[in-house]
Amino acid sequence: MLSIADIVGLLVILGVNAAAAAVLTRFFRVRLDTRWGSALYAVLLGAFVLTVLTIVLGGAGLGPNLGNAATVIGLTVVLPLATGIAFDYFWMPAPEEVDLPAEHGDRDKRRDRREL
């Protein structure tokens, strides 16, 4: 039988992992100029980061005993990874559509003034 603390711990793990997946996906979409590169990095490195987060948070005592490894990976890595990637690709605007302030392009000029 699951206790309330186990359910809350599992929800914390799912929330942290989904947020990490969304941030990683956005980072790779902004940094990589290829079409498939950002998706590939988000899936491969995202799965690795979420697995590490699950091990750390599970080791801290959060979450219930889910029975076997396939259930743990499916519920705490694959589901939040899919949710985070879907959140970034379908809800957030594409990086090309975001307007940056005019001073963003002048970053190098500001560095030169500081060196003088």
PDB file of N, CA and C in Angstrom:
ATOM      1  N   MET A   1       0.831  -1.180   0.000  1.00  0.00           N
ATOM      2  CA  MET A   1       0.000   0.000   0.000  1.00  0.00           C
ATOM      3  C   MET A   1       0.883   1.253   0.000  1.00  0.00           C
ATOM      4  N   LEU A   2       0.548   2.191  -0.833  1.00  0.00           N
ATOM      5  CA  LEU A   2       1.300   3.439  -0.933  1.00  0.00           C
ATOM      6  C   LEU A   2       0.833   4.430   0.112  1.00  0.00           C
ATOM      7  N   SER A   3       1.778   5.112   0.728  1.00  0.00           N
ATOM      8  CA  SER A   3       1.420   6.158   1.678  1.00  0.00           C
ATOM      9  C   SER A   3       1.353   7.499   0.952  1.00  0.00           C
ATOM     10  N   ILE A   4       0.837   8.490   1.630  1.00  0.00           N
ATOM     11  CA  ILE A   4       0.752   9.837   1.059  1.00  0.00           C
ATOM     12  C   ILE A   4       2.158  10.381   0.795  1.00  0.00           C
ATOM     13  N   ALA A   5       3.092  10.103   1.686  1.00  0.00           N
ATOM     14  CA  ALA A   5       4.473  10.577   1.503  1.00  0.00           C
ATOM     15  C   ALA A   5       5.107   9.962   0.260  1.00  0.00           C
ATOM     16  N   ASP A   6       4.836   8.685  -0.009  1.00  0.00           N
ATOM     17  CA  ASP A   6       5.372   8.046  -1.216  1.00  0.00           C
ATOM     18  C   ASP A   6       4.798   8.675  -2.480  1.00  0.00           C
ATOM     19  N   ILE A   7       3.516   8.977  -2.462  1.00  0.00           N
ATOM     20  CA  ILE A   7       2.878   9.597  -3.634  1.00  0.00           C
ATOM     21  C   ILE A   7       3.420  11.003  -3.856  1.00  0.00           C
ATOM     22  N   VAL A   8       3.571  11.768  -2.782  1.00  0.00           N
ATOM     23  CA  VAL A   8       4.123  13.122  -2.901  1.00  0.00           C
ATOM     24  C   VAL A   8       5.574  13.057  -3.389  1.00  0.00           C
ATOM     25  N   GLY A   9       6.355  12.108  -2.867  1.00  0.00           N
ATOM     26  CA  GLY A   9       7.732  11.946  -3.316  1.00  0.00           C
ATOM     27  C   GLY A   9       7.824  11.604  -4.791  1.00  0.00           C
ATOM     28  N   LEU A  10       6.936  10.718  -5.249  1.00  0.00           N
ATOM     29  CA  LEU A  10       6.910  10.365  -6.674  1.00  0.00           C
ATOM     30  C   LEU A  10       6.525  11.567  -7.527  1.00  0.00           C
ATOM     31  N   LEU A  11       5.571  12.358  -7.064  1.00  0.00           N
ATOM     32  CA  LEU A  11       5.176  13.553  -7.806  1.00  0.00           C
ATOM     33  C   LEU A  11       6.306  14.583  -7.851  1.00  0.00           C
ATOM     34  N   VAL A  12       7.085  14.682  -6.782  1.00  0.00           N
ATOM     35  CA  VAL A  12       8.241  15.583  -6.779  1.00  0.00           C
ATOM     36  C   VAL A  12       9.268  15.121  -7.810  1.00  0.00           C
ATOM     37  N   ILE A  13       9.551  13.824  -7.835  1.00  0.00           N
ATOM     38  CA  ILE A  13      10.499  13.278  -8.818  1.00  0.00           C
ATOM     39  C   ILE A  13       9.996  13.534 -10.235  1.00  0.00           C
ATOM     40  N   LEU A  14       8.717  13.304 -10.481  1.00  0.00           N
ATOM     41  CA  LEU A  14       8.163  13.525 -11.816  1.00  0.00           C
ATOM     42  C   LEU A  14       8.221  14.999 -12.196  1.00  0.00           C
ATOM     43  N   GLY A  15       7.927  15.890 -11.268  1.00  0.00           N
ATOM     44  CA  GLY A  15       7.964  17.324 -11.559  1.00  0.00           C
ATOM     45  C   GLY A  15       9.366  17.835 -11.825  1.00  0.00           C
ATOM     46  N   VAL A  16      10.321  17.421 -10.997  1.00  0.00           N
ATOM     47  CA  VAL A  16      11.713  17.843 -11.191  1.00  0.00           C
ATOM     48  C   VAL A  16      12.248  17.305 -12.514  1.00  0.00           C
ATOM     49  N   ASN A  17      11.963  16.056 -12.812  1.00  0.00           N
ATOM     50  CA  ASN A  17      12.449  15.461 -14.063  1.00  0.00           C
ATOM     51  C   ASN A  17      11.808  16.109 -15.286  1.00  0.00           C
ATOM     52  N   ALA A  18      10.517  16.410 -15.228  1.00  0.00           N
ATOM     53  CA  ALA A  18       9.860  17.061 -16.364  1.00  0.00           C
ATOM     54  C   ALA A  18      10.416  18.466 -16.579  1.00  0.00           C
ATOM     55  N   ALA A  19      10.654  19.203 -15.498  1.00  0.00           N
ATOM     56  CA  ALA A  19      11.234  20.545 -15.623  1.00  0.00           C
ATOM     57  C   ALA A  19      12.651  20.475 -16.178  1.00  0.00           C
ATOM     58  N   ALA A  20      13.440  19.514 -15.721  1.00  0.00           N
ATOM     59  CA  ALA A  20      14.805  19.359 -16.233  1.00  0.00           C
ATOM     60  C   ALA A  20      14.786  19.004 -17.720  1.00  0.00           C
ATOM     61  N   ALA A  21      13.867  18.152 -18.119  1.00  0.00           N
ATOM     62  CA  ALA A  21      13.767  17.776 -19.533  1.00  0.00           C
ATOM     63  C   ALA A  21      13.383  18.975 -20.398  1.00  0.00           C
ATOM     64  N   ALA A  22      12.459  19.806 -19.922  1.00  0.00           N
ATOM     65  CA  ALA A  22      12.050  20.989 -20.683  1.00  0.00           C
ATOM     66  C   ALA A  22      13.198  21.989 -20.802  1.00  0.00           C
ATOM     67  N   VAL A  23      13.946  22.193 -19.720  1.00  0.00           N
ATOM     68  CA  VAL A  23      15.069  23.141 -19.748  1.00  0.00           C
ATOM     69  C   VAL A  23      16.181  22.626 -20.660  1.00  0.00           C
ATOM     70  N   LEU A  24      16.486  21.329 -20.574  1.00  0.00           N
ATOM     71  CA  LEU A  24      17.514  20.762 -21.448  1.00  0.00           C
ATOM     72  C   LEU A  24      17.111  20.851 -22.916  1.00  0.00           C
ATOM     73  N   THR A  25      15.851  20.587 -23.204  1.00  0.00           N
ATOM     74  CA  THR A  25      15.378  20.667 -24.581  1.00  0.00           C
ATOM     75  C   THR A  25      15.495  22.092 -25.104  1.00  0.00           C
ATOM     76  N   ARG A  26      15.101  23.072 -24.297  1.00  0.00           N
ATOM     77  CA  ARG A  26      15.208  24.467 -24.714  1.00  0.00           C
ATOM     78  C   ARG A  26      16.666  24.859 -24.922  1.00  0.00           C
ATOM     79  N   PHE A  27      17.548  24.419 -24.024  1.00  0.00           N
ATOM     80  CA  PHE A  27      18.966  24.732 -24.150  1.00  0.00           C
ATOM     81  C   PHE A  27      19.532  24.193 -25.460  1.00  0.00           C
ATOM     82  N   PHE A  28      19.207  22.936 -25.780  1.00  0.00           N
ATOM     83  CA  PHE A  28      19.737  22.354 -27.011  1.00  0.00           C
ATOM     84  C   PHE A  28      19.107  22.977 -28.245  1.00  0.00           C
ATOM     85  N   ARG A  29      17.845  23.382 -28.181  1.00  0.00           N
ATOM     86  CA  ARG A  29      17.218  24.033 -29.328  1.00  0.00           C
ATOM     87  C   ARG A  29      17.832  25.396 -29.598  1.00  0.00           C
ATOM     88  N   VAL A  30      18.203  26.105 -28.543  1.00  0.00           N
ATOM     89  CA  VAL A  30      18.793  27.433 -28.707  1.00  0.00           C
ATOM     90  C   VAL A  30      20.244  27.326 -29.175  1.00  0.00           C
ATOM     91  N   ARG A  31      20.991  26.390 -28.617  1.00  0.00           N
ATOM     92  CA  ARG A  31      22.424  26.289 -28.886  1.00  0.00           C
ATOM     93  C   ARG A  31      22.774  25.594 -30.193  1.00  0.00           C
ATOM     94  N   LEU A  32      22.008  24.598 -30.601  1.00  0.00           N
ATOM     95  CA  LEU A  32      22.349  23.829 -31.796  1.00  0.00           C
ATOM     96  C   LEU A  32      21.568  24.351 -32.995  1.00  0.00           C
ATOM     97  N   ASP A  33      22.249  24.503 -34.121  1.00  0.00           N
ATOM     98  CA  ASP A  33      21.623  25.052 -35.315  1.00  0.00           C
ATOM     99  C   ASP A  33      21.078  23.982 -36.250  1.00  0.00           C
ATOM    100  N   THR A  34      21.224  22.720 -35.905  1.00  0.00           N
ATOM    101  CA  THR A  34      20.729  21.654 -36.763  1.00  0.00           C
ATOM    102  C   THR A  34      19.296  21.315 -36.399  1.00  0.00           C
ATOM    103  N   ARG A  35      18.626  20.655 -37.321  1.00  0.00           N
ATOM    104  CA  ARG A  35      17.227  20.314 -37.076  1.00  0.00           C
ATOM    105  C   ARG A  35      17.099  19.097 -36.173  1.00  0.00           C
ATOM    106  N   TRP A  36      17.859  18.054 -36.445  1.00  0.00           N
ATOM    107  CA  TRP A  36      17.752  16.822 -35.666  1.00  0.00           C
ATOM    108  C   TRP A  36      18.724  16.773 -34.507  1.00  0.00           C
ATOM    109  N   GLY A  37      19.748  17.605 -34.521  1.00  0.00           N
ATOM    110  CA  GLY A  37      20.745  17.578 -33.460  1.00  0.00           C
ATOM    111  C   GLY A  37      20.166  17.892 -32.099  1.00  0.00           C
ATOM    112  N   SER A  38      19.326  18.914 -32.034  1.00  0.00           N
ATOM    113  CA  SER A  38      18.755  19.286 -30.740  1.00  0.00           C
ATOM    114  C   SER A  38      17.835  18.202 -30.201  1.00  0.00           C
ATOM    115  N   ALA A  39      17.058  17.578 -31.068  1.00  0.00           N
ATOM    116  CA  ALA A  39      16.171  16.501 -30.617  1.00  0.00           C
ATOM    117  C   ALA A  39      16.973  15.286 -30.163  1.00  0.00           C
ATOM    118  N   LEU A  40      18.018  14.965 -30.906  1.00  0.00           N
ATOM    119  CA  LEU A  40      18.847  13.814 -30.551  1.00  0.00           C
ATOM    120  C   LEU A  40      19.562  14.044 -29.221  1.00  0.00           C
ATOM    121  N   TYR A  41      20.140  15.216 -29.044  1.00  0.00           N
ATOM    122  CA  TYR A  41      20.808  15.525 -27.784  1.00  0.00           C
ATOM    123  C   TYR A  41      19.810  15.563 -26.621  1.00  0.00           C
ATOM    124  N   ALA A  42      18.623  16.119 -26.861  1.00  0.00           N
ATOM    125  CA  ALA A  42      17.619  16.185 -25.796  1.00  0.00           C
ATOM    126  C   ALA A  42      17.201  14.791 -25.345  1.00  0.00           C
ATOM    127  N   VAL A  43      17.065  13.864 -26.285  1.00  0.00           N
ATOM    128  CA  VAL A  43      16.654  12.507 -25.920  1.00  0.00           C
ATOM    129  C   VAL A  43      17.804  11.758 -25.245  1.00  0.00           C
ATOM    130  N   LEU A  44      18.982  11.790 -25.829  1.00  0.00           N
ATOM    131  CA  LEU A  44      20.089  11.007 -25.276  1.00  0.00           C
ATOM    132  C   LEU A  44      20.634  11.590 -23.973  1.00  0.00           C
ATOM    133  N   LEU A  45      21.019  12.853 -23.988  1.00  0.00           N
ATOM    134  CA  LEU A  45      21.550  13.454 -22.771  1.00  0.00           C
ATOM    135  C   LEU A  45      20.454  13.701 -21.740  1.00  0.00           C
ATOM    136  N   GLY A  46      19.251  13.986 -22.225  1.00  0.00           N
ATOM    137  CA  GLY A  46      18.129  14.171 -21.304  1.00  0.00           C
ATOM    138  C   GLY A  46      17.825  12.904 -20.532  1.00  0.00           C
ATOM    139  N   ALA A  47      17.836  11.758 -21.207  1.00  0.00           N
ATOM    140  CA  ALA A  47      17.588  10.490 -20.525  1.00  0.00           C
ATOM    141  C   ALA A  47      18.676  10.204 -19.495  1.00  0.00           C
ATOM    142  N   PHE A  48      19.902  10.529 -19.831  1.00  0.00           N
ATOM    143  CA  PHE A  48      21.008  10.324 -18.884  1.00  0.00           C
ATOM    144  C   PHE A  48      20.842  11.209 -17.650  1.00  0.00           C
ATOM    145  N   VAL A  49      20.554  12.491 -17.860  1.00  0.00           N
ATOM    146  CA  VAL A  49      20.389  13.429 -16.742  1.00  0.00           C
ATOM    147  C   VAL A  49      19.199  13.026 -15.882  1.00  0.00           C
ATOM    148  N   LEU A  50      18.104  12.630 -16.505  1.00  0.00           N
ATOM    149  CA  LEU A  50      16.919  12.231 -15.732  1.00  0.00           C
ATOM    150  C   LEU A  50      17.170  10.947 -14.953  1.00  0.00           C
ATOM    151  N   THR A  51      17.953  10.041 -15.497  1.00  0.00           N
ATOM    152  CA  THR A  51      18.304   8.826 -14.756  1.00  0.00           C
ATOM    153  C   THR A  51      19.139   9.179 -13.532  1.00  0.00           C
ATOM    154  N   VAL A  52      20.100  10.075 -13.697  1.00  0.00           N
ATOM    155  CA  VAL A  52      20.916  10.501 -12.560  1.00  0.00           C
ATOM    156  C   VAL A  52      20.046  11.210 -11.514  1.00  0.00           C
ATOM    157  N   LEU A  53      19.166  12.088 -11.955  1.00  0.00           N
ATOM    158  CA  LEU A  53      18.267  12.771 -11.028  1.00  0.00           C
ATOM    159  C   LEU A  53      17.378  11.788 -10.282  1.00  0.00           C
ATOM    160  N   THR A  54      16.881  10.781 -10.976  1.00  0.00           N
ATOM    161  CA  THR A  54      16.035   9.774 -10.337  1.00  0.00           C
ATOM    162  C   THR A  54      16.814   9.002  -9.283  1.00  0.00           C
ATOM    163  N   ILE A  55      18.045   8.647  -9.592  1.00  0.00           N
ATOM    164  CA  ILE A  55      18.878   7.919  -8.625  1.00  0.00           C
ATOM    165  C   ILE A  55      19.146   8.793  -7.404  1.00  0.00           C
ATOM    166  N   VAL A  56      19.470  10.065  -7.631  1.00  0.00           N
ATOM    167  CA  VAL A  56      19.767  10.966  -6.516  1.00  0.00           C
ATOM    168  C   VAL A  56      18.523  11.208  -5.662  1.00  0.00           C
ATOM    169  N   LEU A  57      17.397  11.535  -6.304  1.00  0.00           N
ATOM    170  CA  LEU A  57      16.179  11.809  -5.545  1.00  0.00           C
ATOM    171  C   LEU A  57      15.628  10.552  -4.883  1.00  0.00           C
ATOM    172  N   GLY A  58      15.746   9.417  -5.559  1.00  0.00           N
ATOM    173  CA  GLY A  58      15.312   8.158  -4.949  1.00  0.00           C
ATOM    174  C   GLY A  58      16.192   7.769  -3.787  1.00  0.00           C
ATOM    175  N   GLY A  59      17.480   8.053  -3.898  1.00  0.00           N
ATOM    176  CA  GLY A  59      18.405   7.783  -2.804  1.00  0.00           C
ATOM    177  C   GLY A  59      18.164   8.688  -1.611  1.00  0.00           C
ATOM    178  N   ALA A  60      17.564   9.859  -1.863  1.00  0.00           N
ATOM    179  CA  ALA A  60      17.233  10.780  -0.778  1.00  0.00           C
ATOM    180  C   ALA A  60      15.967  10.359  -0.043  1.00  0.00           C
ATOM    181  N   GLY A  61      15.356   9.286  -0.495  1.00  0.00           N
ATOM    182  CA  GLY A  61      14.174   8.773   0.187  1.00  0.00           C
ATOM    183  C   GLY A  61      12.850   9.168  -0.429  1.00  0.00           C
ATOM    184  N   LEU A  62      12.880   9.836  -1.567  1.00  0.00           N
ATOM    185  CA  LEU A  62      11.630  10.223  -2.219  1.00  0.00           C
ATOM    186  C   LEU A  62      11.086   9.080  -3.064  1.00  0.00           C
ATOM    187  N   GLY A  63       9.795   8.950  -3.112  1.00  0.00           N
ATOM    188  CA  GLY A  63       9.154   7.993  -3.994  1.00  0.00           C
ATOM    189  C   GLY A  63       9.018   6.607  -3.408  1.00  0.00           C
ATOM    190  N   PRO A  64       8.057   5.860  -3.944  1.00  0.00           N
ATOM    191  CA  PRO A  64       7.800   4.505  -3.456  1.00  0.00           C
ATOM    192  C   PRO A  64       8.666   3.468  -4.155  1.00  0.00           C
ATOM    193  N   ASN A  65       8.581   2.246  -3.682  1.00  0.00           N
ATOM    194  CA  ASN A  65       9.211   1.112  -4.357  1.00  0.00           C
ATOM    195  C   ASN A  65       8.274   0.705  -5.498  1.00  0.00           C
ATOM    196  N   LEU A  66       8.720   0.889  -6.729  1.00  0.00           N
ATOM    197  CA  LEU A  66       7.868   0.624  -7.887  1.00  0.00           C
ATOM    198  C   LEU A  66       7.961  -0.812  -8.385  1.00  0.00           C
ATOM    199  N   GLY A  67       8.776  -1.621  -7.781  1.00  0.00           N
ATOM    200  CA  GLY A  67       8.802  -3.039  -8.133  1.00  0.00           C
ATOM    201  C   GLY A  67       9.996  -3.451  -8.954  1.00  0.00           C
ATOM    202  N   ASN A  68      10.060  -3.018 -10.202  1.00  0.00           N
ATOM    203  CA  ASN A  68      11.171  -3.430 -11.060  1.00  0.00           C
ATOM    204  C   ASN A  68      11.761  -2.226 -11.798  1.00  0.00           C
ATOM    205  N   ALA A  69      12.903  -2.439 -12.409  1.00  0.00           N
ATOM    206  CA  ALA A  69      13.638  -1.351 -13.062  1.00  0.00           C
ATOM    207  C   ALA A  69      12.892  -0.779 -14.267  1.00  0.00           C
ATOM    208  N   ALA A  70      12.190  -1.630 -15.000  1.00  0.00           N
ATOM    209  CA  ALA A  70      11.467  -1.144 -16.185  1.00  0.00           C
ATOM    210  C   ALA A  70      10.379  -0.154 -15.796  1.00  0.00           C
ATOM    211  N   THR A  71       9.708  -0.402 -14.702  1.00  0.00           N
ATOM    212  CA  THR A  71       8.672   0.516 -14.235  1.00  0.00           C
ATOM    213  C   THR A  71       9.292   1.838 -13.781  1.00  0.00           C
ATOM    214  N   VAL A  72      10.411   1.763 -13.095  1.00  0.00           N
ATOM    215  CA  VAL A  72      11.089   2.976 -12.623  1.00  0.00           C
ATOM    216  C   VAL A  72      11.538   3.820 -13.804  1.00  0.00           C
ATOM    217  N   ILE A  73      12.198   3.213 -14.775  1.00  0.00           N
ATOM    218  CA  ILE A  73      12.673   3.957 -15.946  1.00  0.00           C
ATOM    219  C   ILE A  73      11.497   4.504 -16.754  1.00  0.00           C
ATOM    220  N   GLY A  74      10.481   3.702 -16.941  1.00  0.00           N
ATOM    221  CA  GLY A  74       9.329   4.151 -17.712  1.00  0.00           C
ATOM    222  C   GLY A  74       8.588   5.300 -17.053  1.00  0.00           C
ATOM    223  N   LEU A  75       8.415   5.212 -15.741  1.00  0.00           N
ATOM    224  CA  LEU A  75       7.616   6.212 -15.040  1.00  0.00           C
ATOM    225  C   LEU A  75       8.410   7.465 -14.675  1.00  0.00           C
ATOM    226  N   THR A  76       9.668   7.317 -14.313  1.00  0.00           N
ATOM    227  CA  THR A  76      10.419   8.475 -13.829  1.00  0.00           C
ATOM    228  C   THR A  76      11.410   9.045 -14.836  1.00  0.00           C
ATOM    229  N   VAL A  77      11.613   8.371 -15.966  1.00  0.00           N
ATOM    230  CA  VAL A  77      12.527   8.904 -16.988  1.00  0.00           C
ATOM    231  C   VAL A  77      11.792   9.137 -18.303  1.00  0.00           C
ATOM    232  N   VAL A  78      11.158   8.119 -18.840  1.00  0.00           N
ATOM    233  CA  VAL A  78      10.531   8.237 -20.165  1.00  0.00           C
ATOM    234  C   VAL A  78       9.330   9.186 -20.139  1.00  0.00           C
ATOM    235  N   LEU A  79       8.460   9.039 -19.146  1.00  0.00           N
ATOM    236  CA  LEU A  79       7.277   9.902 -19.076  1.00  0.00           C
ATOM    237  C   LEU A  79       7.645  11.379 -18.884  1.00  0.00           C
ATOM    238  N   PRO A  80       8.516  11.736 -17.923  1.00  0.00           N
ATOM    239  CA  PRO A  80       8.897  13.152 -17.816  1.00  0.00           C
ATOM    240  C   PRO A  80       9.694  13.667 -19.018  1.00  0.00           C
ATOM    241  N   LEU A  81      10.497  12.813 -19.642  1.00  0.00           N
ATOM    242  CA  LEU A  81      11.241  13.225 -20.823  1.00  0.00           C
ATOM    243  C   LEU A  81      10.281  13.573 -21.955  1.00  0.00           C
ATOM    244  N   ALA A  82       9.309  12.726 -22.175  1.00  0.00           N
ATOM    245  CA  ALA A  82       8.309  12.999 -23.220  1.00  0.00           C
ATOM    246  C   ALA A  82       7.500  14.248 -22.888  1.00  0.00           C
ATOM    247  N   THR A  83       7.144  14.414 -21.633  1.00  0.00           N
ATOM    248  CA  THR A  83       6.376  15.587 -21.222  1.00  0.00           C
ATOM    249  C   THR A  83       7.194  16.868 -21.383  1.00  0.00           C
ATOM    250  N   GLY A  84       8.448  16.864 -20.961  1.00  0.00           N
ATOM    251  CA  GLY A  84       9.298  18.041 -21.083  1.00  0.00           C
ATOM    252  C   GLY A  84       9.585  18.418 -22.521  1.00  0.00           C
ATOM    253  N   ILE A  85       9.860  17.422 -23.350  1.00  0.00           N
ATOM    254  CA  ILE A  85      10.119  17.701 -24.770  1.00  0.00           C
ATOM    255  C   ILE A  85       8.853  18.223 -25.447  1.00  0.00           C
ATOM    256  N   ALA A  86       7.707  17.604 -25.158  1.00  0.00           N
ATOM    257  CA  ALA A  86       6.445  18.071 -25.740  1.00  0.00           C
ATOM    258  C   ALA A  86       6.129  19.486 -25.278  1.00  0.00           C
ATOM    259  N   PHE A  87       6.387  19.786 -24.017  1.00  0.00           N
ATOM    260  CA  PHE A  87       6.158  21.136 -23.496  1.00  0.00           C
ATOM    261  C   PHE A  87       6.985  22.150 -24.270  1.00  0.00           C
ATOM    262  N   ASP A  88       8.249  21.857 -24.504  1.00  0.00           N
ATOM    263  CA  ASP A  88       9.109  22.816 -25.186  1.00  0.00           C
ATOM    264  C   ASP A  88       8.763  22.943 -26.664  1.00  0.00           C
ATOM    265  N   TYR A  89       8.505  21.837 -27.328  1.00  0.00           N
ATOM    266  CA  TYR A  89       8.257  21.889 -28.772  1.00  0.00           C
ATOM    267  C   TYR A  89       6.866  22.410 -29.110  1.00  0.00           C
ATOM    268  N   PHE A  90       5.855  22.111 -28.297  1.00  0.00           N
ATOM    269  CA  PHE A  90       4.487  22.464 -28.665  1.00  0.00           C
ATOM    270  C   PHE A  90       3.946  23.690 -27.945  1.00  0.00           C
ATOM    271  N   TRP A  91       4.458  24.020 -26.766  1.00  0.00           N
ATOM    272  CA  TRP A  91       3.894  25.135 -26.042  1.00  0.00           C
ATOM    273  C   TRP A  91       4.779  26.375 -26.109  1.00  0.00           C
ATOM    274  N   MET A  92       6.082  26.204 -26.040  1.00  0.00           N
ATOM    275  CA  MET A  92       7.001  27.344 -26.074  1.00  0.00           C
ATOM    276  C   MET A  92       7.222  27.786 -27.526  1.00  0.00           C
ATOM    277  N   PRO A  93       7.463  29.082 -27.754  1.00  0.00           N
ATOM    278  CA  PRO A  93       7.748  29.524 -29.118  1.00  0.00           C
ATOM    279  C   PRO A  93       9.119  29.022 -29.574  1.00  0.00           C
ATOM    280  N   ALA A  94       9.256  28.876 -30.862  1.00  0.00           N
ATOM    281  CA  ALA A  94      10.539  28.442 -31.420  1.00  0.00           C
ATOM    282  C   ALA A  94      11.603  29.498 -31.117  1.00  0.00           C
ATOM    283  N   PRO A  95      12.860  29.073 -30.946  1.00  0.00           N
ATOM    284  CA  PRO A  95      13.914  30.057 -30.638  1.00  0.00           C
ATOM    285  C   PRO A  95      14.047  31.156 -31.695  1.00  0.00           C
ATOM    286  N   GLU A  96      13.737  30.849 -32.951  1.00  0.00           N
ATOM    287  CA  GLU A  96      13.836  31.850 -34.012  1.00  0.00           C
ATOM    288  C   GLU A  96      12.761  32.918 -33.886  1.00  0.00           C
ATOM    289  N   GLU A  97      11.648  32.611 -33.209  1.00  0.00           N
ATOM    290  CA  GLU A  97      10.530  33.547 -33.102  1.00  0.00           C
ATOM    291  C   GLU A  97      10.671  34.507 -31.919  1.00  0.00           C
ATOM    292  N   VAL A  98      11.636  34.275 -31.063  1.00  0.00           N
ATOM    293  CA  VAL A  98      11.809  35.117 -29.879  1.00  0.00           C
ATOM    294  C   VAL A  98      12.652  36.330 -30.243  1.00  0.00           C
ATOM    295  N   ASP A  99      12.134  37.519 -29.927  1.00  0.00           N
ATOM    296  CA  ASP A  99      12.868  38.753 -30.194  1.00  0.00           C
ATOM    297  C   ASP A  99      13.819  39.031 -29.043  1.00  0.00           C
ATOM    298  N   LEU A 100      15.066  39.272 -29.384  1.00  0.00           N
ATOM    299  CA  LEU A 100      16.072  39.607 -28.384  1.00  0.00           C
ATOM    300  C   LEU A 100      16.223  41.119 -28.300  1.00  0.00           C
ATOM    301  N   PRO A 101      16.600  41.642 -27.152  1.00  0.00           N
ATOM    302  CA  PRO A 101      16.813  43.091 -27.040  1.00  0.00           C
ATOM    303  C   PRO A 101      17.953  43.551 -27.947  1.00  0.00           C
ATOM    304  N   ALA A 102      17.947  44.819 -28.281  1.00  0.00           N
ATOM    305  CA  ALA A 102      18.959  45.368 -29.185  1.00  0.00           C
ATOM    306  C   ALA A 102      20.349  45.305 -28.569  1.00  0.00           C
ATOM    307  N   GLU A 103      20.458  45.374 -27.246  1.00  0.00           N
ATOM    308  CA  GLU A 103      21.774  45.356 -26.623  1.00  0.00           C
ATOM    309  C   GLU A 103      22.415  43.985 -26.645  1.00  0.00           C
ATOM    310  N   HIS A 104      21.683  42.956 -26.975  1.00  0.00           N
ATOM    311  CA  HIS A 104      22.257  41.613 -27.015  1.00  0.00           C
ATOM    312  C   HIS A 104      23.370  41.523 -28.057  1.00  0.00           C
ATOM    313  N   GLY A 105      23.187  42.181 -29.178  1.00  0.00           N
ATOM    314  CA  GLY A 105      24.200  42.155 -30.221  1.00  0.00           C
ATOM    315  C   GLY A 105      25.420  42.999 -29.893  1.00  0.00           C
ATOM    316  N   ASP A 106      25.286  43.923 -28.931  1.00  0.00           N
ATOM    317  CA  ASP A 106      26.387  44.811 -28.557  1.00  0.00           C
ATOM    318  C   ASP A 106      27.211  44.257 -27.403  1.00  0.00           C
ATOM    319  N   ARG A 107      27.097  42.998 -27.110  1.00  0.00           N
ATOM    320  CA  ARG A 107      27.792  42.399 -25.975  1.00  0.00           C
ATOM    321  C   ARG A 107      29.314  42.526 -26.120  1.00  0.00           C
ATOM    322  N   ASP A 108      29.838  42.320 -27.328  1.00  0.00           N
ATOM    323  CA  ASP A 108      31.279  42.415 -27.535  1.00  0.00           C
ATOM    324  C   ASP A 108      31.783  43.842 -27.333  1.00  0.00           C
ATOM    325  N   LYS A 109      31.001  44.836 -27.706  1.00  0.00           N
ATOM    326  CA  LYS A 109      31.401  46.228 -27.541  1.00  0.00           C
ATOM    327  C   LYS A 109      31.501  46.585 -26.062  1.00  0.00           C
ATOM    328  N   ARG A 110      30.588  46.069 -25.252  1.00  0.00           N
ATOM    329  CA  ARG A 110      30.648  46.349 -23.823  1.00  0.00           C
ATOM    330  C   ARG A 110      31.893  45.746 -23.196  1.00  0.00           C
ATOM    331  N   ARG A 111      32.303  44.593 -23.649  1.00  0.00           N
ATOM    332  CA  ARG A 111      33.527  43.984 -23.132  1.00  0.00           C
ATOM    333  C   ARG A 111      34.750  44.825 -23.458  1.00  0.00           C
ATOM    334  N   ASP A 112      34.755  45.416 -24.667  1.00  0.00           N
ATOM    335  CA  ASP A 112      35.889  46.222 -25.070  1.00  0.00           C
ATOM    336  C   ASP A 112      35.996  47.473 -24.188  1.00  0.00           C
ATOM    337  N   ARG A 113      34.864  48.066 -23.817  1.00  0.00           N
ATOM    338  CA  ARG A 113      34.899  49.245 -22.961  1.00  0.00           C
ATOM    339  C   ARG A 113      35.426  48.922 -21.573  1.00  0.00           C
ATOM    340  N   ARG A 114      35.131  47.758 -21.082  1.00  0.00           N
ATOM    341  CA  ARG A 114      35.588  47.375 -19.757  1.00  0.00           C
ATOM    342  C   ARG A 114      37.105  47.154 -19.736  1.00  0.00           C
ATOM    343  N   GLU A 115      37.643  46.692 -20.833  1.00  0.00           N
ATOM    344  CA  GLU A 115      39.078  46.415 -20.888  1.00  0.00           C
ATOM    345  C   GLU A 115      39.902  47.690 -20.955  1.00  0.00           C
ATOM    346  N   LEU A 116      39.305  48.799 -21.375  1.00  0.00           N
ATOM    347  CA  LEU A 116      40.050  50.063 -21.507  1.00  0.00           C
ATOM    348  C   LEU A 116      40.347  50.627 -20.192  1.00  0.00           C
TER     349      LEU A 116
END
